[in-house]
Amino acid sequence: MNKSIPKFDVSAQFELEDGLKALGITDVFDPVRADFTPMTTSVNGPITLDQASHAARVVIDEEGCTAAAFTVMAPAGNAAPDGEVDFVLDRPFLFCVTGDSGLPLFGGVVNYPGGN
């Protein structure tokens, strides 16, 4: 059996706010109802999300397959911390790369982010 896959480079970027609201996730965008206190014990004042967007890219060529994705959840209000902040992804997490249709192309779980 012979198989042939063409080279391609596809990418997509889209806003998530409307979709999140359609799923019932609305409080995080509302300054009166948003409650981020478990993560913001040193911040005074309300914090909300100002932006929620996602982008993904998949490349298939002679070298193989490369895929990357990112999601941005931008805070508003008094969310800006003073000084430098370390973001350490040190617990298990899920990831998913979707196509233009919004359907998943790749997904997975990183159980041991430290490589152990």
PDB file of N, CA and C in Angstrom:
ATOM      1  N   MET A   1       0.841  -1.162   0.000  1.00  0.00           N
ATOM      2  CA  MET A   1       0.000   0.000   0.000  1.00  0.00           C
ATOM      3  C   MET A   1       0.895   1.236   0.000  1.00  0.00           C
ATOM      4  N   ASN A   2       0.588   2.166  -0.891  1.00  0.00           N
ATOM      5  CA  ASN A   2       1.311   3.432  -0.962  1.00  0.00           C
ATOM      6  C   ASN A   2       0.411   4.541  -0.436  1.00  0.00           C
ATOM      7  N   LYS A   3       1.008   5.413   0.353  1.00  0.00           N
ATOM      8  CA  LYS A   3       0.257   6.541   0.902  1.00  0.00           C
ATOM      9  C   LYS A   3       1.006   7.814   0.581  1.00  0.00           C
ATOM     10  N   SER A   4       0.257   8.897   0.423  1.00  0.00           N
ATOM     11  CA  SER A   4       0.861  10.194   0.131  1.00  0.00           C
ATOM     12  C   SER A   4       0.132  11.270   0.928  1.00  0.00           C
ATOM     13  N   ILE A   5       0.896  12.076   1.638  1.00  0.00           N
ATOM     14  CA  ILE A   5       0.340  13.198   2.393  1.00  0.00           C
ATOM     15  C   ILE A   5       1.002  14.461   1.870  1.00  0.00           C
ATOM     16  N   PRO A   6       0.218  15.445   1.466  1.00  0.00           N
ATOM     17  CA  PRO A   6       0.823  16.682   0.958  1.00  0.00           C
ATOM     18  C   PRO A   6       1.419  17.514   2.090  1.00  0.00           C
ATOM     19  N   LYS A   7       2.404  18.323   1.761  1.00  0.00           N
ATOM     20  CA  LYS A   7       2.924  19.289   2.725  1.00  0.00           C
ATOM     21  C   LYS A   7       1.838  20.332   2.947  1.00  0.00           C
ATOM     22  N   PHE A   8       1.717  20.788   4.188  1.00  0.00           N
ATOM     23  CA  PHE A   8       0.785  21.880   4.444  1.00  0.00           C
ATOM     24  C   PHE A   8       1.189  22.644   5.690  1.00  0.00           C
ATOM     25  N   ASP A   9       0.684  23.844   5.789  1.00  0.00           N
ATOM     26  CA  ASP A   9       0.925  24.731   6.917  1.00  0.00           C
ATOM     27  C   ASP A   9      -0.389  25.461   7.170  1.00  0.00           C
ATOM     28  N   VAL A  10      -1.114  25.053   8.199  1.00  0.00           N
ATOM     29  CA  VAL A  10      -2.403  25.667   8.499  1.00  0.00           C
ATOM     30  C   VAL A  10      -2.359  26.337   9.860  1.00  0.00           C
ATOM     31  N   SER A  11      -3.077  27.425   9.973  1.00  0.00           N
ATOM     32  CA  SER A  11      -3.156  28.115  11.252  1.00  0.00           C
ATOM     33  C   SER A  11      -4.529  28.734  11.401  1.00  0.00           C
ATOM     34  N   ALA A  12      -4.894  28.985  12.640  1.00  0.00           N
ATOM     35  CA  ALA A  12      -6.178  29.604  12.937  1.00  0.00           C
ATOM     36  C   ALA A  12      -6.046  30.402  14.221  1.00  0.00           C
ATOM     37  N   GLN A  13      -6.808  31.464  14.288  1.00  0.00           N
ATOM     38  CA  GLN A  13      -6.865  32.260  15.506  1.00  0.00           C
ATOM     39  C   GLN A  13      -8.295  32.740  15.668  1.00  0.00           C
ATOM     40  N   PHE A  14      -8.835  32.628  16.873  1.00  0.00           N
ATOM     41  CA  PHE A  14     -10.206  33.060  17.083  1.00  0.00           C
ATOM     42  C   PHE A  14     -10.413  33.512  18.520  1.00  0.00           C
ATOM     43  N   GLU A  15     -11.440  34.324  18.688  1.00  0.00           N
ATOM     44  CA  GLU A  15     -11.806  34.847  19.998  1.00  0.00           C
ATOM     45  C   GLU A  15     -12.713  33.833  20.705  1.00  0.00           C
ATOM     46  N   LEU A  16     -12.534  33.674  21.999  1.00  0.00           N
ATOM     47  CA  LEU A  16     -13.283  32.689  22.757  1.00  0.00           C
ATOM     48  C   LEU A  16     -14.428  33.269  23.584  1.00  0.00           C
ATOM     49  N   GLU A  17     -14.465  34.593  23.748  1.00  0.00           N
ATOM     50  CA  GLU A  17     -15.421  35.192  24.679  1.00  0.00           C
ATOM     51  C   GLU A  17     -16.870  34.809  24.373  1.00  0.00           C
ATOM     52  N   ASP A  18     -17.306  34.932  23.133  1.00  0.00           N
ATOM     53  CA  ASP A  18     -18.691  34.602  22.794  1.00  0.00           C
ATOM     54  C   ASP A  18     -18.990  33.126  23.055  1.00  0.00           C
ATOM     55  N   GLY A  19     -18.059  32.261  22.699  1.00  0.00           N
ATOM     56  CA  GLY A  19     -18.251  30.830  22.933  1.00  0.00           C
ATOM     57  C   GLY A  19     -18.305  30.492  24.413  1.00  0.00           C
ATOM     58  N   LEU A  20     -17.432  31.112  25.207  1.00  0.00           N
ATOM     59  CA  LEU A  20     -17.453  30.881  26.648  1.00  0.00           C
ATOM     60  C   LEU A  20     -18.771  31.352  27.252  1.00  0.00           C
ATOM     61  N   LYS A  21     -19.231  32.526  26.822  1.00  0.00           N
ATOM     62  CA  LYS A  21     -20.505  33.037  27.329  1.00  0.00           C
ATOM     63  C   LYS A  21     -21.663  32.133  26.924  1.00  0.00           C
ATOM     64  N   ALA A  22     -21.616  31.581  25.699  1.00  0.00           N
ATOM     65  CA  ALA A  22     -22.667  30.666  25.248  1.00  0.00           C
ATOM     66  C   ALA A  22     -22.689  29.389  26.087  1.00  0.00           C
ATOM     67  N   LEU A  23     -21.533  29.012  26.629  1.00  0.00           N
ATOM     68  CA  LEU A  23     -21.449  27.837  27.506  1.00  0.00           C
ATOM     69  C   LEU A  23     -21.832  28.164  28.945  1.00  0.00           C
ATOM     70  N   GLY A  24     -22.137  29.436  29.217  1.00  0.00           N
ATOM     71  CA  GLY A  24     -22.529  29.836  30.562  1.00  0.00           C
ATOM     72  C   GLY A  24     -21.410  30.390  31.411  1.00  0.00           C
ATOM     73  N   ILE A  25     -20.234  30.554  30.828  1.00  0.00           N
ATOM     74  CA  ILE A  25     -19.098  31.103  31.561  1.00  0.00           C
ATOM     75  C   ILE A  25     -19.132  32.622  31.389  1.00  0.00           C
ATOM     76  N   THR A  26     -19.862  33.292  32.280  1.00  0.00           N
ATOM     77  CA  THR A  26     -20.078  34.731  32.133  1.00  0.00           C
ATOM     78  C   THR A  26     -19.508  35.554  33.280  1.00  0.00           C
ATOM     79  N   ASP A  27     -19.460  34.987  34.474  1.00  0.00           N
ATOM     80  CA  ASP A  27     -19.030  35.751  35.650  1.00  0.00           C
ATOM     81  C   ASP A  27     -17.616  36.308  35.512  1.00  0.00           C
ATOM     82  N   VAL A  28     -16.728  35.599  34.855  1.00  0.00           N
ATOM     83  CA  VAL A  28     -15.332  36.049  34.759  1.00  0.00           C
ATOM     84  C   VAL A  28     -15.182  37.335  33.954  1.00  0.00           C
ATOM     85  N   PHE A  29     -16.192  37.681  33.155  1.00  0.00           N
ATOM     86  CA  PHE A  29     -16.156  38.903  32.350  1.00  0.00           C
ATOM     87  C   PHE A  29     -16.892  40.068  33.022  1.00  0.00           C
ATOM     88  N   ASP A  30     -17.535  39.811  34.142  1.00  0.00           N
ATOM     89  CA  ASP A  30     -18.361  40.804  34.835  1.00  0.00           C
ATOM     90  C   ASP A  30     -17.635  41.310  36.084  1.00  0.00           C
ATOM     91  N   PRO A  31     -17.320  42.622  36.162  1.00  0.00           N
ATOM     92  CA  PRO A  31     -16.575  43.148  37.315  1.00  0.00           C
ATOM     93  C   PRO A  31     -17.296  42.967  38.649  1.00  0.00           C
ATOM     94  N   VAL A  32     -18.615  42.877  38.629  1.00  0.00           N
ATOM     95  CA  VAL A  32     -19.365  42.712  39.877  1.00  0.00           C
ATOM     96  C   VAL A  32     -19.376  41.256  40.332  1.00  0.00           C
ATOM     97  N   ARG A  33     -19.423  40.315  39.392  1.00  0.00           N
ATOM     98  CA  ARG A  33     -19.584  38.901  39.736  1.00  0.00           C
ATOM     99  C   ARG A  33     -18.292  38.094  39.705  1.00  0.00           C
ATOM    100  N   ALA A  34     -17.263  38.586  39.047  1.00  0.00           N
ATOM    101  CA  ALA A  34     -16.008  37.824  38.943  1.00  0.00           C
ATOM    102  C   ALA A  34     -15.370  37.680  40.328  1.00  0.00           C
ATOM    103  N   ASP A  35     -14.872  36.480  40.612  1.00  0.00           N
ATOM    104  CA  ASP A  35     -14.232  36.228  41.898  1.00  0.00           C
ATOM    105  C   ASP A  35     -12.960  35.411  41.678  1.00  0.00           C
ATOM    106  N   PHE A  36     -11.849  36.111  41.650  1.00  0.00           N
ATOM    107  CA  PHE A  36     -10.552  35.460  41.476  1.00  0.00           C
ATOM    108  C   PHE A  36      -9.756  35.455  42.776  1.00  0.00           C
ATOM    109  N   THR A  37     -10.438  35.607  43.920  1.00  0.00           N
ATOM    110  CA  THR A  37      -9.720  35.726  45.190  1.00  0.00           C
ATOM    111  C   THR A  37      -8.815  34.540  45.512  1.00  0.00           C
ATOM    112  N   PRO A  38      -9.132  33.310  45.124  1.00  0.00           N
ATOM    113  CA  PRO A  38      -8.175  32.236  45.436  1.00  0.00           C
ATOM    114  C   PRO A  38      -6.803  32.441  44.780  1.00  0.00           C
ATOM    115  N   MET A  39      -6.751  33.202  43.692  1.00  0.00           N
ATOM    116  CA  MET A  39      -5.485  33.417  42.982  1.00  0.00           C
ATOM    117  C   MET A  39      -4.915  34.804  43.213  1.00  0.00           C
ATOM    118  N   THR A  40      -5.648  35.682  43.889  1.00  0.00           N
ATOM    119  CA  THR A  40      -5.248  37.080  43.953  1.00  0.00           C
ATOM    120  C   THR A  40      -5.320  37.642  45.366  1.00  0.00           C
ATOM    121  N   THR A  41      -4.739  36.976  46.309  1.00  0.00           N
ATOM    122  CA  THR A  41      -4.844  37.425  47.688  1.00  0.00           C
ATOM    123  C   THR A  41      -4.147  38.755  47.935  1.00  0.00           C
ATOM    124  N   SER A  42      -3.205  39.141  47.084  1.00  0.00           N
ATOM    125  CA  SER A  42      -2.477  40.386  47.310  1.00  0.00           C
ATOM    126  C   SER A  42      -2.935  41.526  46.405  1.00  0.00           C
ATOM    127  N   VAL A  43      -4.050  41.353  45.692  1.00  0.00           N
ATOM    128  CA  VAL A  43      -4.542  42.379  44.773  1.00  0.00           C
ATOM    129  C   VAL A  43      -5.779  43.027  45.360  1.00  0.00           C
ATOM    130  N   ASN A  44      -5.827  44.342  45.321  1.00  0.00           N
ATOM    131  CA  ASN A  44      -6.999  45.061  45.801  1.00  0.00           C
ATOM    132  C   ASN A  44      -7.872  45.454  44.622  1.00  0.00           C
ATOM    133  N   GLY A  45      -9.162  45.246  44.741  1.00  0.00           N
ATOM    134  CA  GLY A  45     -10.078  45.650  43.682  1.00  0.00           C
ATOM    135  C   GLY A  45     -10.475  44.494  42.793  1.00  0.00           C
ATOM    136  N   PRO A  46     -11.490  44.726  41.948  1.00  0.00           N
ATOM    137  CA  PRO A  46     -12.014  43.652  41.100  1.00  0.00           C
ATOM    138  C   PRO A  46     -11.078  43.293  39.951  1.00  0.00           C
ATOM    139  N   ILE A  47     -11.111  42.036  39.593  1.00  0.00           N
ATOM    140  CA  ILE A  47     -10.362  41.528  38.445  1.00  0.00           C
ATOM    141  C   ILE A  47     -11.350  40.782  37.559  1.00  0.00           C
ATOM    142  N   THR A  48     -11.298  41.032  36.271  1.00  0.00           N
ATOM    143  CA  THR A  48     -12.130  40.332  35.301  1.00  0.00           C
ATOM    144  C   THR A  48     -11.253  39.907  34.131  1.00  0.00           C
ATOM    145  N   LEU A  49     -11.821  39.125  33.235  1.00  0.00           N
ATOM    146  CA  LEU A  49     -11.123  38.810  31.996  1.00  0.00           C
ATOM    147  C   LEU A  49     -11.532  39.834  30.950  1.00  0.00           C
ATOM    148  N   ASP A  50     -10.541  40.353  30.258  1.00  0.00           N
ATOM    149  CA  ASP A  50     -10.765  41.350  29.219  1.00  0.00           C
ATOM    150  C   ASP A  50     -10.677  40.729  27.829  1.00  0.00           C
ATOM    151  N   GLN A  51      -9.947  39.623  27.717  1.00  0.00           N
ATOM    152  CA  GLN A  51      -9.743  38.981  26.428  1.00  0.00           C
ATOM    153  C   GLN A  51      -9.597  37.483  26.635  1.00  0.00           C
ATOM    154  N   ALA A  52     -10.161  36.714  25.718  1.00  0.00           N
ATOM    155  CA  ALA A  52      -9.987  35.268  25.690  1.00  0.00           C
ATOM    156  C   ALA A  52      -9.853  34.879  24.225  1.00  0.00           C
ATOM    157  N   SER A  53      -8.667  34.445  23.828  1.00  0.00           N
ATOM    158  CA  SER A  53      -8.461  34.067  22.429  1.00  0.00           C
ATOM    159  C   SER A  53      -7.552  32.845  22.350  1.00  0.00           C
ATOM    160  N   HIS A  54      -7.577  32.213  21.197  1.00  0.00           N
ATOM    161  CA  HIS A  54      -6.809  30.982  20.992  1.00  0.00           C
ATOM    162  C   HIS A  54      -6.233  30.980  19.581  1.00  0.00           C
ATOM    163  N   ALA A  55      -5.057  30.440  19.431  1.00  0.00           N
ATOM    164  CA  ALA A  55      -4.435  30.283  18.106  1.00  0.00           C
ATOM    165  C   ALA A  55      -3.714  28.942  18.047  1.00  0.00           C
ATOM    166  N   ALA A  56      -3.659  28.374  16.867  1.00  0.00           N
ATOM    167  CA  ALA A  56      -2.986  27.091  16.667  1.00  0.00           C
ATOM    168  C   ALA A  56      -2.365  27.050  15.282  1.00  0.00           C
ATOM    169  N   ARG A  57      -1.297  26.265  15.156  1.00  0.00           N
ATOM    170  CA  ARG A  57      -0.631  26.087  13.859  1.00  0.00           C
ATOM    171  C   ARG A  57      -0.114  24.657  13.770  1.00  0.00           C
ATOM    172  N   VAL A  58      -0.327  24.041  12.613  1.00  0.00           N
ATOM    173  CA  VAL A  58       0.173  22.692  12.342  1.00  0.00           C
ATOM    174  C   VAL A  58       0.898  22.723  11.008  1.00  0.00           C
ATOM    175  N   VAL A  59       2.116  22.190  10.985  1.00  0.00           N
ATOM    176  CA  VAL A  59       2.922  22.128   9.764  1.00  0.00           C
ATOM    177  C   VAL A  59       3.310  20.677   9.527  1.00  0.00           C
ATOM    178  N   ILE A  60       3.067  20.190   8.307  1.00  0.00           N
ATOM    179  CA  ILE A  60       3.522  18.862   7.892  1.00  0.00           C
ATOM    180  C   ILE A  60       4.416  19.069   6.679  1.00  0.00           C
ATOM    181  N   ASP A  61       5.641  18.564   6.783  1.00  0.00           N
ATOM    182  CA  ASP A  61       6.579  18.661   5.662  1.00  0.00           C
ATOM    183  C   ASP A  61       7.486  17.443   5.667  1.00  0.00           C
ATOM    184  N   GLU A  62       8.574  17.532   4.921  1.00  0.00           N
ATOM    185  CA  GLU A  62       9.501  16.398   4.816  1.00  0.00           C
ATOM    186  C   GLU A  62      10.118  16.022   6.163  1.00  0.00           C
ATOM    187  N   GLU A  63      10.173  16.964   7.078  1.00  0.00           N
ATOM    188  CA  GLU A  63      10.793  16.738   8.382  1.00  0.00           C
ATOM    189  C   GLU A  63       9.843  16.081   9.378  1.00  0.00           C
ATOM    190  N   GLY A  64       8.525  16.092   9.091  1.00  0.00           N
ATOM    191  CA  GLY A  64       7.545  15.516  10.002  1.00  0.00           C
ATOM    192  C   GLY A  64       6.429  16.491  10.296  1.00  0.00           C
ATOM    193  N   CYS A  65       5.893  16.376  11.481  1.00  0.00           N
ATOM    194  CA  CYS A  65       4.758  17.205  11.895  1.00  0.00           C
ATOM    195  C   CYS A  65       5.152  18.075  13.081  1.00  0.00           C
ATOM    196  N   THR A  66       4.809  19.351  13.009  1.00  0.00           N
ATOM    197  CA  THR A  66       5.024  20.283  14.102  1.00  0.00           C
ATOM    198  C   THR A  66       3.689  20.961  14.393  1.00  0.00           C
ATOM    199  N   ALA A  67       3.317  20.992  15.658  1.00  0.00           N
ATOM    200  CA  ALA A  67       2.059  21.637  16.037  1.00  0.00           C
ATOM    201  C   ALA A  67       2.301  22.504  17.261  1.00  0.00           C
ATOM    202  N   ALA A  68       1.662  23.649  17.287  1.00  0.00           N
ATOM    203  CA  ALA A  68       1.767  24.550  18.433  1.00  0.00           C
ATOM    204  C   ALA A  68       0.441  25.273  18.612  1.00  0.00           C
ATOM    205  N   ALA A  69       0.140  25.598  19.839  1.00  0.00           N
ATOM    206  CA  ALA A  69      -1.093  26.328  20.131  1.00  0.00           C
ATOM    207  C   ALA A  69      -0.895  27.160  21.382  1.00  0.00           C
ATOM    208  N   PHE A  70      -1.689  28.209  21.492  1.00  0.00           N
ATOM    209  CA  PHE A  70      -1.684  28.986  22.726  1.00  0.00           C
ATOM    210  C   PHE A  70      -3.060  29.587  22.954  1.00  0.00           C
ATOM    211  N   THR A  71      -3.361  29.821  24.209  1.00  0.00           N
ATOM    212  CA  THR A  71      -4.604  30.464  24.609  1.00  0.00           C
ATOM    213  C   THR A  71      -4.242  31.647  25.480  1.00  0.00           C
ATOM    214  N   VAL A  72      -4.879  32.787  25.230  1.00  0.00           N
ATOM    215  CA  VAL A  72      -4.639  34.000  26.005  1.00  0.00           C
ATOM    216  C   VAL A  72      -5.891  34.321  26.793  1.00  0.00           C
ATOM    217  N   MET A  73      -5.740  34.458  28.089  1.00  0.00           N
ATOM    218  CA  MET A  73      -6.802  34.933  28.968  1.00  0.00           C
ATOM    219  C   MET A  73      -6.256  36.187  29.637  1.00  0.00           C
ATOM    220  N   ALA A  74      -6.574  37.353  29.083  1.00  0.00           N
ATOM    221  CA  ALA A  74      -5.996  38.612  29.552  1.00  0.00           C
ATOM    222  C   ALA A  74      -6.863  39.235  30.642  1.00  0.00           C
ATOM    223  N   PRO A  75      -6.271  39.468  31.811  1.00  0.00           N
ATOM    224  CA  PRO A  75      -7.029  40.077  32.899  1.00  0.00           C
ATOM    225  C   PRO A  75      -7.164  41.585  32.733  1.00  0.00           C
ATOM    226  N   ALA A  76      -8.195  42.133  33.357  1.00  0.00           N
ATOM    227  CA  ALA A  76      -8.418  43.577  33.382  1.00  0.00           C
ATOM    228  C   ALA A  76      -8.661  43.981  34.834  1.00  0.00           C
ATOM    229  N   GLY A  77      -8.739  45.250  35.076  1.00  0.00           N
ATOM    230  CA  GLY A  77      -8.954  45.734  36.434  1.00  0.00           C
ATOM    231  C   GLY A  77      -7.637  45.874  37.153  1.00  0.00           C
ATOM    232  N   ASN A  78      -7.597  45.456  38.386  1.00  0.00           N
ATOM    233  CA  ASN A  78      -6.389  45.565  39.206  1.00  0.00           C
ATOM    234  C   ASN A  78      -5.538  44.309  39.129  1.00  0.00           C
ATOM    235  N   ALA A  79      -5.595  43.622  38.008  1.00  0.00           N
ATOM    236  CA  ALA A  79      -4.910  42.344  37.894  1.00  0.00           C
ATOM    237  C   ALA A  79      -3.425  42.472  37.619  1.00  0.00           C
ATOM    238  N   ALA A  80      -2.981  43.636  37.187  1.00  0.00           N
ATOM    239  CA  ALA A  80      -1.565  43.777  36.864  1.00  0.00           C
ATOM    240  C   ALA A  80      -0.733  43.695  38.138  1.00  0.00           C
ATOM    241  N   PRO A  81       0.115  42.691  38.246  1.00  0.00           N
ATOM    242  CA  PRO A  81       0.925  42.554  39.452  1.00  0.00           C
ATOM    243  C   PRO A  81       2.074  43.550  39.449  1.00  0.00           C
ATOM    244  N   ASP A  82       2.572  43.844  40.623  1.00  0.00           N
ATOM    245  CA  ASP A  82       3.759  44.673  40.741  1.00  0.00           C
ATOM    246  C   ASP A  82       4.977  43.792  40.555  1.00  0.00           C
ATOM    247  N   GLY A  83       5.895  44.219  39.706  1.00  0.00           N
ATOM    248  CA  GLY A  83       7.132  43.474  39.511  1.00  0.00           C
ATOM    249  C   GLY A  83       6.954  42.269  38.608  1.00  0.00           C
ATOM    250  N   GLU A  84       7.927  41.398  38.654  1.00  0.00           N
ATOM    251  CA  GLU A  84       7.966  40.211  37.810  1.00  0.00           C
ATOM    252  C   GLU A  84       7.159  39.079  38.428  1.00  0.00           C
ATOM    253  N   VAL A  85       6.488  38.307  37.573  1.00  0.00           N
ATOM    254  CA  VAL A  85       5.697  37.174  38.030  1.00  0.00           C
ATOM    255  C   VAL A  85       6.225  35.923  37.350  1.00  0.00           C
ATOM    256  N   ASP A  86       6.390  34.852  38.113  1.00  0.00           N
ATOM    257  CA  ASP A  86       6.791  33.567  37.556  1.00  0.00           C
ATOM    258  C   ASP A  86       5.551  32.728  37.305  1.00  0.00           C
ATOM    259  N   PHE A  87       5.434  32.192  36.091  1.00  0.00           N
ATOM    260  CA  PHE A  87       4.351  31.267  35.755  1.00  0.00           C
ATOM    261  C   PHE A  87       4.987  29.906  35.557  1.00  0.00           C
ATOM    262  N   VAL A  88       4.710  28.983  36.452  1.00  0.00           N
ATOM    263  CA  VAL A  88       5.308  27.659  36.403  1.00  0.00           C
ATOM    264  C   VAL A  88       4.199  26.633  36.249  1.00  0.00           C
ATOM    265  N   LEU A  89       4.183  25.954  35.133  1.00  0.00           N
ATOM    266  CA  LEU A  89       3.196  24.914  34.883  1.00  0.00           C
ATOM    267  C   LEU A  89       3.767  23.618  35.445  1.00  0.00           C
ATOM    268  N   ASP A  90       3.502  23.381  36.723  1.00  0.00           N
ATOM    269  CA  ASP A  90       4.137  22.263  37.411  1.00  0.00           C
ATOM    270  C   ASP A  90       3.149  21.193  37.870  1.00  0.00           C
ATOM    271  N   ARG A  91       1.997  21.164  37.233  1.00  0.00           N
ATOM    272  CA  ARG A  91       1.018  20.127  37.545  1.00  0.00           C
ATOM    273  C   ARG A  91       0.438  19.622  36.227  1.00  0.00           C
ATOM    274  N   PRO A  92      -0.209  18.480  36.227  1.00  0.00           N
ATOM    275  CA  PRO A  92      -0.753  17.952  34.974  1.00  0.00           C
ATOM    276  C   PRO A  92      -1.693  18.940  34.287  1.00  0.00           C
ATOM    277  N   PHE A  93      -1.671  18.912  32.949  1.00  0.00           N
ATOM    278  CA  PHE A  93      -2.556  19.783  32.184  1.00  0.00           C
ATOM    279  C   PHE A  93      -2.959  19.109  30.881  1.00  0.00           C
ATOM    280  N   LEU A  94      -4.048  19.610  30.303  1.00  0.00           N
ATOM    281  CA  LEU A  94      -4.556  19.138  29.011  1.00  0.00           C
ATOM    282  C   LEU A  94      -4.167  20.129  27.935  1.00  0.00           C
ATOM    283  N   PHE A  95      -4.013  19.649  26.717  1.00  0.00           N
ATOM    284  CA  PHE A  95      -3.838  20.556  25.589  1.00  0.00           C
ATOM    285  C   PHE A  95      -4.615  20.020  24.399  1.00  0.00           C
ATOM    286  N   CYS A  96      -5.008  20.942  23.519  1.00  0.00           N
ATOM    287  CA  CYS A  96      -5.765  20.579  22.333  1.00  0.00           C
ATOM    288  C   CYS A  96      -5.456  21.569  21.226  1.00  0.00           C
ATOM    289  N   VAL A  97      -5.224  21.077  20.029  1.00  0.00           N
ATOM    290  CA  VAL A  97      -5.036  21.911  18.843  1.00  0.00           C
ATOM    291  C   VAL A  97      -6.244  21.675  17.960  1.00  0.00           C
ATOM    292  N   THR A  98      -6.915  22.766  17.573  1.00  0.00           N
ATOM    293  CA  THR A  98      -8.118  22.631  16.759  1.00  0.00           C
ATOM    294  C   THR A  98      -7.889  23.202  15.362  1.00  0.00           C
ATOM    295  N   GLY A  99      -8.732  22.806  14.436  1.00  0.00           N
ATOM    296  CA  GLY A  99      -8.664  23.309  13.072  1.00  0.00           C
ATOM    297  C   GLY A  99      -9.591  24.489  12.880  1.00  0.00           C
ATOM    298  N   ASP A 100      -9.693  24.962  11.643  1.00  0.00           N
ATOM    299  CA  ASP A 100     -10.556  26.098  11.323  1.00  0.00           C
ATOM    300  C   ASP A 100     -12.009  25.857  11.723  1.00  0.00           C
ATOM    301  N   SER A 101     -12.436  24.615  11.706  1.00  0.00           N
ATOM    302  CA  SER A 101     -13.821  24.280  12.053  1.00  0.00           C
ATOM    303  C   SER A 101     -14.055  24.281  13.553  1.00  0.00           C
ATOM    304  N   GLY A 102     -12.985  24.363  14.333  1.00  0.00           N
ATOM    305  CA  GLY A 102     -13.111  24.302  15.781  1.00  0.00           C
ATOM    306  C   GLY A 102     -13.036  22.882  16.324  1.00  0.00           C
ATOM    307  N   LEU A 103     -12.967  21.897  15.434  1.00  0.00           N
ATOM    308  CA  LEU A 103     -12.871  20.509  15.876  1.00  0.00           C
ATOM    309  C   LEU A 103     -11.424  20.175  16.233  1.00  0.00           C
ATOM    310  N   PRO A 104     -11.217  19.318  17.219  1.00  0.00           N
ATOM    311  CA  PRO A 104      -9.852  18.974  17.630  1.00  0.00           C
ATOM    312  C   PRO A 104      -9.083  18.227  16.538  1.00  0.00           C
ATOM    313  N   LEU A 105      -7.844  18.623  16.340  1.00  0.00           N
ATOM    314  CA  LEU A 105      -6.931  17.901  15.453  1.00  0.00           C
ATOM    315  C   LEU A 105      -5.973  17.054  16.283  1.00  0.00           C
ATOM    316  N   PHE A 106      -5.467  17.633  17.352  1.00  0.00           N
ATOM    317  CA  PHE A 106      -4.552  16.949  18.260  1.00  0.00           C
ATOM    318  C   PHE A 106      -4.958  17.301  19.681  1.00  0.00           C
ATOM    319  N   GLY A 107      -4.795  16.373  20.571  1.00  0.00           N
ATOM    320  CA  GLY A 107      -5.069  16.639  21.971  1.00  0.00           C
ATOM    321  C   GLY A 107      -4.237  15.706  22.810  1.00  0.00           C
ATOM    322  N   GLY A 108      -4.057  16.075  24.039  1.00  0.00           N
ATOM    323  CA  GLY A 108      -3.285  15.208  24.889  1.00  0.00           C
ATOM    324  C   GLY A 108      -3.237  15.691  26.324  1.00  0.00           C
ATOM    325  N   VAL A 109      -2.526  14.927  27.116  1.00  0.00           N
ATOM    326  CA  VAL A 109      -2.353  15.216  28.533  1.00  0.00           C
ATOM    327  C   VAL A 109      -0.868  15.175  28.835  1.00  0.00           C
ATOM    328  N   VAL A 110      -0.412  16.156  29.569  1.00  0.00           N
ATOM    329  CA  VAL A 110       0.944  16.114  30.111  1.00  0.00           C
ATOM    330  C   VAL A 110       0.788  15.783  31.590  1.00  0.00           C
ATOM    331  N   ASN A 111       1.069  14.542  31.940  1.00  0.00           N
ATOM    332  CA  ASN A 111       0.902  14.103  33.317  1.00  0.00           C
ATOM    333  C   ASN A 111       2.057  14.538  34.219  1.00  0.00           C
ATOM    334  N   TYR A 112       3.258  14.586  33.655  1.00  0.00           N
ATOM    335  CA  TYR A 112       4.451  14.913  34.440  1.00  0.00           C
ATOM    336  C   TYR A 112       5.198  16.047  33.748  1.00  0.00           C
ATOM    337  N   PRO A 113       4.793  17.304  33.964  1.00  0.00           N
ATOM    338  CA  PRO A 113       5.433  18.429  33.280  1.00  0.00           C
ATOM    339  C   PRO A 113       6.931  18.522  33.526  1.00  0.00           C
ATOM    340  N   GLY A 114       7.395  17.997  34.639  1.00  0.00           N
ATOM    341  CA  GLY A 114       8.833  18.037  34.929  1.00  0.00           C
ATOM    342  C   GLY A 114       9.615  16.962  34.227  1.00  0.00           C
ATOM    343  N   GLY A 115       8.939  16.089  33.495  1.00  0.00           N
ATOM    344  CA  GLY A 115       9.628  15.042  32.755  1.00  0.00           C
ATOM    345  C   GLY A 115       9.940  13.804  33.576  1.00  0.00           C
ATOM    346  N   ASN A 116       9.465  13.716  34.789  1.00  0.00           N
ATOM    347  CA  ASN A 116       9.749  12.557  35.634  1.00  0.00           C
ATOM    348  C   ASN A 116       8.832  11.408  35.310  1.00  0.00           C
TER     349      ASN A 116
END
